[in-house]
Amino acid sequence: MKRFDPADPTSDRPAEDEGGHPGAGRTGVIGTVPKFSRKTPDQSRSWSRHAARYDETFLSPYGPAVRNPLWDALDGVADRSGTVADLGCGTGPLLAPLLARFGKVVALDFAPGMLARARERIGPEDLGRVTFLERSMEDLDDLAGAIDVAVAVNSLVMPDVRRIHAALTAVRRALRPGGVFLGIAPSIDAIQYHTMLLYDHALESGLGPDEAETFATIHGEHRYYDFAFGRFQFRGLRQKFWQPFEFEHRFGKAGFRSVTIDRVFYPWDENFVGAAELADRPPSWDWFFRAEA
């Protein structure tokens, strides 16, 4: 478990070759300040490069100690004989739970490296129930009205919000009337919450305000974030992190009838800098959403 010494704001900086986890204190390197105005790298290639180590590199909402409302939402779908779409399926960690609950699964991702890993998870007895599609979430025209449930876990993260709007509109059109869209989106306000805890811990340990701010900035890894617009950049990947008020706004613009949100709570563990010192504090979170077409 990572520990830190507030007397040394640079203590326990993660090593240059460690993995990265989106979120405060979750990335593994301290690099240069990202220039968010520059051209976005080819994201399909960037995500494909991360496919081999994705499951060990990025924070997972599927861990046994994670409080994840997605499971109850999936179990609450009344008719599970139809088709569920895993949009942005990545390496496929959700495919087995979906196959256990639904008749057919569409596994979609724009990164060929991710899809290759996802295919490896499916046994021969289930291959006939899974359709793999290499494309973006905006490209769903041929699925219009064919999906009963859509799921997007940490895939509504396009840094250009126009693409998020296009994806949301495409998902709504792909869902049958009364269909539901479930998912998880990374939380920018949780990064700010973790920063507050780091800052307070440094003050309580005897640092002055300036030193405490430096300490929280380093260990909160702020150099990867644009807090004003909720953007994150790490090793060629660019992502949109969400504020809670954005869900009603953006889903409503795309034509969804209702949107509710909840938190996915993560335990304070080795994925978070200062986990031991913060163990008595309320946990960090990402956002779960449920929207009806």
Protein backbone atom coordinates (compact mmCIF):
# COMPACT_ATOMS: atom_id res chain seq x y z
CA MET A 1 0.00 0.00 0.00
CA LYS A 2 1.33 3.41 -0.94
CA ARG A 3 2.22 5.65 1.98
CA PHE A 4 3.41 9.21 1.93
CA ASP A 5 5.21 11.67 4.15
CA PRO A 6 3.62 15.13 4.27
CA ALA A 7 6.94 16.51 5.44
CA ASP A 8 8.22 15.74 1.94
CA PRO A 9 5.64 16.77 -0.68
CA THR A 10 7.45 14.71 -3.32
CA SER A 11 7.68 11.54 -1.22
CA ASP A 12 6.59 8.22 -2.72
CA ARG A 13 6.19 9.55 -6.23
CA PRO A 14 5.12 6.58 -8.34
CA ALA A 15 7.86 5.07 -10.48
CA GLU A 16 8.01 5.93 -14.15
CA ASP A 17 7.11 2.42 -15.28
CA GLU A 18 4.14 1.80 -12.98
CA GLY A 19 0.67 1.34 -14.36
CA GLY A 20 -1.97 4.07 -14.36
CA HIS A 21 -5.46 4.20 -12.98
CA PRO A 22 -7.78 7.02 -14.01
CA GLY A 23 -8.52 9.09 -10.94
CA ALA A 24 -6.75 11.07 -8.28
CA GLY A 25 -3.69 9.23 -7.07
CA ARG A 26 -4.50 6.40 -9.45
CA THR A 27 -2.09 7.12 -12.29
CA GLY A 28 1.36 5.71 -11.94
CA VAL A 29 3.70 8.37 -13.26
CA ILE A 30 4.50 12.04 -12.79
CA GLY A 31 5.01 13.44 -16.28
CA THR A 32 4.75 16.71 -18.14
CA VAL A 33 1.67 18.91 -18.02
CA PRO A 34 -0.68 17.79 -20.82
CA LYS A 35 -1.56 20.34 -23.48
CA PHE A 36 -5.28 19.73 -23.92
CA SER A 37 -5.55 22.03 -26.92
CA ARG A 38 -3.28 19.91 -29.08
CA LYS A 39 -4.59 17.39 -31.58
CA THR A 40 -6.00 14.26 -29.97
CA PRO A 41 -3.92 11.16 -30.78
CA ASP A 42 -5.62 8.28 -32.63
CA GLN A 43 -7.59 6.86 -29.71
CA SER A 44 -8.27 3.46 -31.25
CA ARG A 45 -4.53 2.91 -31.60
CA SER A 46 -3.84 4.27 -28.12
CA TRP A 47 -6.42 1.99 -26.50
CA SER A 48 -5.21 -1.00 -28.51
CA ARG A 49 -1.69 -0.42 -27.18
CA HIS A 50 -3.08 -0.58 -23.63
CA ALA A 51 -5.10 -3.77 -24.25
CA ALA A 52 -2.44 -6.20 -23.03
CA ARG A 53 -2.24 -4.63 -19.55
CA TYR A 54 -5.62 -2.93 -19.36
CA ASP A 55 -7.07 -5.08 -16.57
CA GLU A 56 -4.06 -4.54 -14.31
CA THR A 57 -3.56 -0.89 -15.24
CA PHE A 58 -6.97 0.70 -14.84
CA LEU A 59 -9.20 0.86 -11.79
CA SER A 60 -11.95 -1.76 -12.08
CA PRO A 61 -15.56 -1.25 -10.95
CA TYR A 62 -16.02 -5.04 -10.82
CA GLY A 63 -13.94 -5.85 -7.74
CA PRO A 64 -15.61 -7.74 -4.88
CA ALA A 65 -15.15 -4.82 -2.46
CA VAL A 66 -16.65 -2.27 -4.88
CA ARG A 67 -20.21 -1.18 -4.21
CA ASN A 68 -21.55 -1.17 -7.79
CA PRO A 69 -25.25 -0.40 -8.49
CA LEU A 70 -24.86 -1.82 -12.01
CA TRP A 71 -25.45 -5.39 -10.79
CA ASP A 72 -28.82 -4.63 -9.22
CA ALA A 73 -29.83 -2.60 -12.27
CA LEU A 74 -29.03 -5.51 -14.60
CA ASP A 75 -30.87 -7.95 -12.35
CA GLY A 76 -33.83 -5.58 -12.30
CA VAL A 77 -34.42 -5.77 -16.05
CA ALA A 78 -37.80 -7.49 -16.36
CA ASP A 79 -37.32 -9.21 -19.74
CA ARG A 80 -33.83 -10.60 -20.14
CA SER A 81 -34.53 -12.78 -23.18
CA GLY A 82 -33.52 -10.04 -25.60
CA THR A 83 -30.26 -8.36 -26.68
CA VAL A 84 -27.86 -6.40 -24.52
CA ALA A 85 -25.11 -4.26 -26.03
CA ASP A 86 -21.78 -3.76 -24.23
CA LEU A 87 -20.72 -0.47 -25.79
CA GLY A 88 -17.01 0.09 -25.43
CA CYS A 89 -16.57 -3.45 -24.14
CA GLY A 90 -12.79 -3.11 -23.82
CA THR A 91 -11.17 -6.43 -22.94
CA GLY A 92 -14.58 -7.91 -22.14
CA PRO A 93 -14.75 -8.18 -18.32
CA LEU A 94 -18.51 -7.64 -18.41
CA LEU A 95 -19.29 -10.19 -21.14
CA ALA A 96 -19.61 -13.25 -18.88
CA PRO A 97 -22.03 -11.51 -16.45
CA LEU A 98 -24.09 -10.29 -19.42
CA LEU A 99 -24.19 -13.76 -21.01
CA ALA A 100 -25.40 -15.14 -17.68
CA ARG A 101 -28.30 -12.69 -17.69
CA PHE A 102 -29.31 -12.12 -21.33
CA GLY A 103 -29.98 -14.16 -24.45
CA LYS A 104 -27.72 -12.30 -26.88
CA VAL A 105 -24.83 -9.89 -26.46
CA VAL A 106 -23.39 -7.31 -28.83
CA ALA A 107 -19.78 -6.49 -27.88
CA LEU A 108 -18.65 -3.24 -29.49
CA ASP A 109 -15.33 -1.45 -29.32
CA PHE A 110 -13.39 0.78 -31.70
CA ALA A 111 -9.99 -0.62 -30.64
CA PRO A 112 -9.10 -3.91 -32.39
CA GLY A 113 -6.63 -4.81 -29.66
CA MET A 114 -9.38 -4.60 -27.05
CA LEU A 115 -11.78 -6.73 -29.11
CA ALA A 116 -9.11 -9.37 -29.59
CA ARG A 117 -8.73 -9.68 -25.81
CA ALA A 118 -12.52 -9.73 -25.38
CA ARG A 119 -12.89 -12.63 -27.83
CA GLU A 120 -10.43 -14.66 -25.79
CA ARG A 121 -12.79 -14.52 -22.81
CA ILE A 122 -15.66 -16.27 -24.61
CA GLY A 123 -15.87 -20.05 -24.56
CA PRO A 124 -16.92 -21.95 -27.70
CA GLU A 125 -20.32 -22.73 -26.17
CA ASP A 126 -21.17 -19.00 -26.05
CA LEU A 127 -19.60 -17.70 -29.26
CA GLY A 128 -22.88 -18.04 -31.15
CA ARG A 129 -24.57 -15.69 -28.68
CA VAL A 130 -22.04 -12.85 -29.03
CA THR A 131 -21.69 -10.46 -31.97
CA PHE A 132 -18.40 -8.54 -32.04
CA LEU A 133 -18.39 -5.16 -33.77
CA GLU A 134 -15.28 -3.05 -34.36
CA ARG A 135 -16.64 0.48 -34.50
CA SER A 136 -17.34 3.57 -32.44
CA MET A 137 -20.39 4.12 -30.27
CA GLU A 138 -21.68 6.73 -32.70
CA ASP A 139 -22.01 4.13 -35.48
CA LEU A 140 -25.17 2.26 -34.47
CA ASP A 141 -27.53 2.99 -37.39
CA ASP A 142 -27.88 -0.68 -38.36
CA LEU A 143 -28.93 -1.50 -34.78
CA ALA A 144 -31.80 1.01 -34.65
CA GLY A 145 -34.55 -0.37 -32.42
CA ALA A 146 -32.76 -3.70 -31.97
CA ILE A 147 -31.28 -3.32 -28.48
CA ASP A 148 -33.19 -3.97 -25.26
CA VAL A 149 -30.45 -2.91 -22.84
CA ALA A 150 -27.30 -0.92 -23.55
CA VAL A 151 -24.36 -0.79 -21.15
CA ALA A 152 -21.40 1.58 -21.28
CA VAL A 153 -18.80 1.23 -18.53
CA ASN A 154 -16.18 3.97 -18.64
CA SER A 155 -16.67 4.38 -22.39
CA LEU A 156 -18.66 7.64 -22.54
CA VAL A 157 -15.35 9.43 -22.13
CA MET A 158 -14.76 11.17 -25.48
CA PRO A 159 -12.96 14.44 -24.68
CA ASP A 160 -15.00 16.18 -27.40
CA VAL A 161 -18.50 16.51 -25.92
CA ARG A 162 -19.96 16.72 -29.44
CA ARG A 163 -18.98 13.08 -29.84
CA ILE A 164 -20.59 12.24 -26.51
CA HIS A 165 -23.80 13.83 -27.78
CA ALA A 166 -23.55 11.84 -31.03
CA ALA A 167 -22.97 8.62 -29.08
CA LEU A 168 -25.89 9.27 -26.71
CA THR A 169 -28.19 10.02 -29.64
CA ALA A 170 -27.07 6.84 -31.42
CA VAL A 171 -27.66 4.74 -28.31
CA ARG A 172 -31.15 6.16 -27.81
CA ARG A 173 -32.05 5.32 -31.42
CA ALA A 174 -30.62 1.81 -31.07
CA LEU A 175 -32.76 1.07 -28.02
CA ARG A 176 -36.25 -0.32 -28.40
CA PRO A 177 -39.05 1.83 -26.90
CA GLY A 178 -38.77 1.43 -23.13
CA GLY A 179 -35.19 0.18 -23.40
CA VAL A 180 -32.68 1.18 -20.76
CA PHE A 181 -29.16 2.52 -20.92
CA LEU A 182 -26.95 1.64 -17.93
CA GLY A 183 -23.38 2.63 -17.31
CA ILE A 184 -20.55 4.06 -15.29
CA ALA A 185 -18.67 7.27 -15.97
CA PRO A 186 -15.50 8.52 -14.27
CA SER A 187 -16.08 11.27 -11.73
CA ILE A 188 -14.09 14.52 -11.79
CA ASP A 189 -15.64 15.58 -8.48
CA ALA A 190 -14.16 12.49 -6.84
CA ILE A 191 -10.72 13.69 -7.91
CA GLN A 192 -11.43 16.98 -6.17
CA TYR A 193 -12.67 15.11 -3.10
CA HIS A 194 -9.45 13.07 -2.91
CA THR A 195 -7.46 16.29 -3.31
CA MET A 196 -9.30 17.82 -0.37
CA LEU A 197 -8.47 14.81 1.81
CA LEU A 198 -4.80 14.92 0.80
CA TYR A 199 -4.66 18.66 1.49
CA ASP A 200 -6.30 18.34 4.91
CA HIS A 201 -4.03 15.44 5.84
CA ALA A 202 -0.97 17.49 4.97
CA LEU A 203 -2.21 20.44 7.06
CA GLU A 204 -2.98 18.16 10.00
CA SER A 205 0.54 16.74 9.70
CA GLY A 206 2.06 20.19 10.21
CA LEU A 207 2.60 21.59 6.73
CA GLY A 208 1.71 25.16 5.91
CA PRO A 209 -0.94 25.96 3.30
CA ASP A 210 1.51 26.36 0.40
CA GLU A 211 3.37 23.15 1.19
CA ALA A 212 0.10 21.27 1.71
CA GLU A 213 -1.15 22.49 -1.65
CA THR A 214 2.02 21.26 -3.34
CA PHE A 215 1.67 17.93 -1.57
CA ALA A 216 -1.97 17.49 -2.67
CA THR A 217 -1.21 18.61 -6.22
CA ILE A 218 1.59 16.08 -6.63
CA HIS A 219 -0.18 13.13 -5.03
CA GLY A 220 -3.50 14.03 -6.63
CA GLU A 221 -1.58 14.02 -9.94
CA HIS A 222 -3.21 17.21 -11.12
CA ARG A 223 -0.89 17.50 -14.09
CA TYR A 224 -3.08 14.92 -15.86
CA TYR A 225 -6.33 16.85 -15.39
CA ASP A 226 -8.15 19.84 -16.78
CA PHE A 227 -10.60 20.41 -13.94
CA ALA A 228 -12.58 23.16 -15.64
CA PHE A 229 -13.71 20.90 -18.49
CA GLY A 230 -13.29 17.51 -16.85
CA ARG A 231 -10.54 16.16 -19.07
CA PHE A 232 -7.86 13.58 -18.31
CA GLN A 233 -4.80 12.69 -20.37
CA PHE A 234 -2.38 9.84 -19.74
CA ARG A 235 0.04 8.02 -22.09
CA GLY A 236 -1.80 9.00 -25.27
CA LEU A 237 -5.27 8.40 -23.84
CA ARG A 238 -7.69 11.29 -23.45
CA GLN A 239 -10.89 10.99 -21.46
CA LYS A 240 -13.85 13.04 -20.31
CA PHE A 241 -14.57 12.88 -16.57
CA TRP A 242 -18.12 13.79 -15.49
CA GLN A 243 -19.79 16.13 -13.02
CA PRO A 244 -23.13 14.88 -11.62
CA PHE A 245 -25.15 17.74 -13.12
CA GLU A 246 -24.00 16.80 -16.63
CA PHE A 247 -26.03 13.59 -16.83
CA GLU A 248 -29.49 15.14 -16.90
CA HIS A 249 -28.26 17.86 -19.24
CA ARG A 250 -26.46 15.69 -21.80
CA PHE A 251 -28.84 12.73 -21.74
CA GLY A 252 -31.81 15.06 -21.98
CA LYS A 253 -30.32 16.79 -25.04
CA ALA A 254 -30.00 13.37 -26.68
CA GLY A 255 -33.69 12.60 -26.12
CA PHE A 256 -33.69 10.23 -23.14
CA ARG A 257 -36.88 10.37 -21.08
CA SER A 258 -35.39 10.06 -17.62
CA VAL A 259 -31.97 9.83 -16.02
CA THR A 260 -31.05 8.77 -12.50
CA ILE A 261 -27.56 8.57 -11.04
CA ASP A 262 -25.91 6.82 -8.14
CA ARG A 263 -22.36 6.31 -6.91
CA VAL A 264 -20.01 3.40 -7.49
CA PHE A 265 -17.96 3.32 -4.29
CA TYR A 266 -14.37 2.07 -4.28
CA PRO A 267 -12.57 0.86 -1.17
CA TRP A 268 -9.48 2.72 -0.04
CA ASP A 269 -6.88 0.25 -1.28
CA GLU A 270 -3.55 0.19 -3.12
CA ASN A 271 -5.13 1.94 -6.11
CA PHE A 272 -5.29 5.17 -4.10
CA VAL A 273 -2.38 7.19 -2.80
CA GLY A 274 -2.72 7.56 0.97
CA ALA A 275 -5.21 4.72 1.34
CA ALA A 276 -4.00 3.77 4.83
CA GLU A 277 -4.21 7.34 6.10
CA LEU A 278 -7.64 7.91 4.55
CA ALA A 279 -9.19 4.57 5.52
CA ASP A 280 -11.59 6.19 8.01
CA ARG A 281 -12.93 8.67 5.44
CA PRO A 282 -15.92 8.03 3.14
CA PRO A 283 -14.74 6.26 -0.01
CA SER A 284 -14.10 7.65 -3.47
CA TRP A 285 -16.54 7.05 -6.30
CA ASP A 286 -17.45 7.06 -9.97
CA TRP A 287 -20.93 7.78 -11.32
CA PHE A 288 -23.49 5.11 -12.23
CA PHE A 289 -26.35 6.15 -14.51
CA ARG A 290 -29.64 4.69 -15.67
CA ALA A 291 -31.54 6.29 -18.56
CA GLU A 292 -34.74 5.29 -20.34
CA ALA A 293 -35.30 5.64 -24.08
